[in-house]
Amino acid sequence: MKKIAVSLIVSFLAAGATPTFAAKSDCDSGYKNFVTKMSPYVDNVSGDELAGYVRKALGAYDSCTAGDGSITPHGVWDEILADMQAKKKN
């Protein structure tokens, strides 16, 4: 009986951990993709602006890895990229 109870607990824990891993993996790849896309625009912004963008992007990444569903990190990253692209055109 103890073996069944232990295996049920292990199964529930494993099932609960799998979505978190998948979500973190998506956060990781999304952030890496954002940084790659951001790189060409770095020279067109001031150091202060760049630091602000990096802080905001990292905040979105942290929220993503924490499982906070109140923000969409990809939306934040897309917004930052759009702002950086607009600064390059000016």
C-alpha atoms as a PDB file:
ATOM      1  CA  MET A   1       0.000   0.000   0.000  1.00  0.00           C
ATOM      2  CA  LYS A   2       2.863   2.380   0.803  1.00  0.00           C
ATOM      3  CA  LYS A   3       4.407   1.746  -2.612  1.00  0.00           C
ATOM      4  CA  ILE A   4       1.174   2.730  -4.353  1.00  0.00           C
ATOM      5  CA  ALA A   5       0.865   5.908  -2.306  1.00  0.00           C
ATOM      6  CA  VAL A   6       4.479   6.861  -2.962  1.00  0.00           C
ATOM      7  CA  SER A   7       4.176   6.196  -6.683  1.00  0.00           C
ATOM      8  CA  LEU A   8       1.009   8.298  -6.859  1.00  0.00           C
ATOM      9  CA  ILE A   9       2.762  11.192  -5.136  1.00  0.00           C
ATOM     10  CA  VAL A  10       5.751  10.894  -7.460  1.00  0.00           C
ATOM     11  CA  SER A  11       3.425  10.808 -10.487  1.00  0.00           C
ATOM     12  CA  PHE A  12       1.614  13.968  -9.385  1.00  0.00           C
ATOM     13  CA  LEU A  13       4.872  15.769  -8.722  1.00  0.00           C
ATOM     14  CA  ALA A  14       6.298  14.750 -12.094  1.00  0.00           C
ATOM     15  CA  ALA A  15       3.132  15.837 -13.886  1.00  0.00           C
ATOM     16  CA  GLY A  16       3.225  19.184 -12.114  1.00  0.00           C
ATOM     17  CA  ALA A  17       6.886  19.781 -12.961  1.00  0.00           C
ATOM     18  CA  THR A  18       6.630  19.084 -16.682  1.00  0.00           C
ATOM     19  CA  PRO A  19       4.580  22.174 -17.661  1.00  0.00           C
ATOM     20  CA  THR A  20       6.924  24.389 -15.650  1.00  0.00           C
ATOM     21  CA  PHE A  21       9.923  23.046 -17.539  1.00  0.00           C
ATOM     22  CA  ALA A  22       8.186  23.561 -20.876  1.00  0.00           C
ATOM     23  CA  ALA A  23       7.204  27.105 -19.897  1.00  0.00           C
ATOM     24  CA  LYS A  24      10.739  27.941 -18.731  1.00  0.00           C
ATOM     25  CA  SER A  25      12.144  26.567 -21.960  1.00  0.00           C
ATOM     26  CA  ASP A  26       9.781  28.834 -23.910  1.00  0.00           C
ATOM     27  CA  CYS A  27      10.861  31.792 -21.754  1.00  0.00           C
ATOM     28  CA  ASP A  28      14.521  31.001 -22.364  1.00  0.00           C
ATOM     29  CA  SER A  29      14.200  30.662 -26.128  1.00  0.00           C
ATOM     30  CA  GLY A  30      11.977  33.741 -26.337  1.00  0.00           C
ATOM     31  CA  TYR A  31      14.446  35.879 -24.418  1.00  0.00           C
ATOM     32  CA  LYS A  32      17.384  34.655 -26.502  1.00  0.00           C
ATOM     33  CA  ASN A  33      15.425  35.391 -29.662  1.00  0.00           C
ATOM     34  CA  PHE A  34      14.617  38.891 -28.370  1.00  0.00           C
ATOM     35  CA  VAL A  35      18.267  39.641 -27.551  1.00  0.00           C
ATOM     36  CA  THR A  36      19.327  38.466 -31.010  1.00  0.00           C
ATOM     37  CA  LYS A  37      16.753  40.736 -32.657  1.00  0.00           C
ATOM     38  CA  MET A  38      17.695  43.653 -30.381  1.00  0.00           C
ATOM     39  CA  SER A  39      21.422  43.561 -31.167  1.00  0.00           C
ATOM     40  CA  PRO A  40      21.370  45.543 -34.456  1.00  0.00           C
ATOM     41  CA  TYR A  41      19.636  48.476 -32.739  1.00  0.00           C
ATOM     42  CA  VAL A  42      21.950  48.831 -29.733  1.00  0.00           C
ATOM     43  CA  ASP A  43      24.133  51.496 -31.379  1.00  0.00           C
ATOM     44  CA  ASN A  44      21.104  53.714 -32.051  1.00  0.00           C
ATOM     45  CA  VAL A  45      20.092  54.274 -28.425  1.00  0.00           C
ATOM     46  CA  SER A  46      21.780  55.903 -25.474  1.00  0.00           C
ATOM     47  CA  GLY A  47      23.246  53.855 -22.651  1.00  0.00           C
ATOM     48  CA  ASP A  48      20.447  54.998 -20.366  1.00  0.00           C
ATOM     49  CA  GLU A  49      17.779  53.924 -22.869  1.00  0.00           C
ATOM     50  CA  LEU A  50      19.499  50.595 -23.419  1.00  0.00           C
ATOM     51  CA  ALA A  51      19.643  49.943 -19.683  1.00  0.00           C
ATOM     52  CA  GLY A  52      15.909  50.694 -19.445  1.00  0.00           C
ATOM     53  CA  TYR A  53      15.118  48.310 -22.282  1.00  0.00           C
ATOM     54  CA  VAL A  54      17.254  45.575 -20.753  1.00  0.00           C
ATOM     55  CA  ARG A  55      15.610  46.030 -17.328  1.00  0.00           C
ATOM     56  CA  LYS A  56      12.134  45.881 -18.857  1.00  0.00           C
ATOM     57  CA  ALA A  57      13.020  42.810 -20.957  1.00  0.00           C
ATOM     58  CA  LEU A  58      14.556  41.031 -17.993  1.00  0.00           C
ATOM     59  CA  GLY A  59      11.492  41.832 -15.877  1.00  0.00           C
ATOM     60  CA  ALA A  60       9.321  40.200 -18.545  1.00  0.00           C
ATOM     61  CA  TYR A  61      11.654  37.182 -18.563  1.00  0.00           C
ATOM     62  CA  ASP A  62      11.509  36.895 -14.772  1.00  0.00           C
ATOM     63  CA  SER A  63       7.697  37.082 -14.822  1.00  0.00           C
ATOM     64  CA  CYS A  64       7.621  34.434 -17.536  1.00  0.00           C
ATOM     65  CA  THR A  65       9.838  32.008 -15.613  1.00  0.00           C
ATOM     66  CA  ALA A  66       7.801  32.612 -12.452  1.00  0.00           C
ATOM     67  CA  GLY A  67       4.657  31.598 -14.322  1.00  0.00           C
ATOM     68  CA  ASP A  68       3.037  35.027 -13.964  1.00  0.00           C
ATOM     69  CA  GLY A  69       0.267  35.060 -16.530  1.00  0.00           C
ATOM     70  CA  SER A  70      -0.603  38.732 -16.020  1.00  0.00           C
ATOM     71  CA  ILE A  71       1.864  39.859 -18.700  1.00  0.00           C
ATOM     72  CA  THR A  72       2.868  38.465 -22.045  1.00  0.00           C
ATOM     73  CA  PRO A  73       6.662  38.571 -22.269  1.00  0.00           C
ATOM     74  CA  HIS A  74       6.668  38.290 -26.050  1.00  0.00           C
ATOM     75  CA  GLY A  75       4.400  41.332 -26.200  1.00  0.00           C
ATOM     76  CA  VAL A  76       6.810  43.293 -24.011  1.00  0.00           C
ATOM     77  CA  TRP A  77       9.782  42.206 -26.105  1.00  0.00           C
ATOM     78  CA  ASP A  78       7.969  43.081 -29.359  1.00  0.00           C
ATOM     79  CA  GLU A  79       7.117  46.517 -27.946  1.00  0.00           C
ATOM     80  CA  ILE A  80      10.767  47.158 -27.055  1.00  0.00           C
ATOM     81  CA  LEU A  81      11.906  46.073 -30.521  1.00  0.00           C
ATOM     82  CA  ALA A  82       9.334  48.329 -32.191  1.00  0.00           C
ATOM     83  CA  ASP A  83      10.541  51.276 -30.107  1.00  0.00           C
ATOM     84  CA  MET A  84      14.180  50.558 -30.951  1.00  0.00           C
ATOM     85  CA  GLN A  85      13.343  50.216 -34.657  1.00  0.00           C
ATOM     86  CA  ALA A  86      11.537  53.566 -34.592  1.00  0.00           C
ATOM     87  CA  LYS A  87      14.589  55.219 -33.031  1.00  0.00           C
ATOM     88  CA  LYS A  88      16.790  53.803 -35.801  1.00  0.00           C
ATOM     89  CA  LYS A  89      14.592  55.388 -38.485  1.00  0.00           C
ATOM     90  CA  ASN A  90      14.896  58.827 -36.861  1.00  0.00           C
END
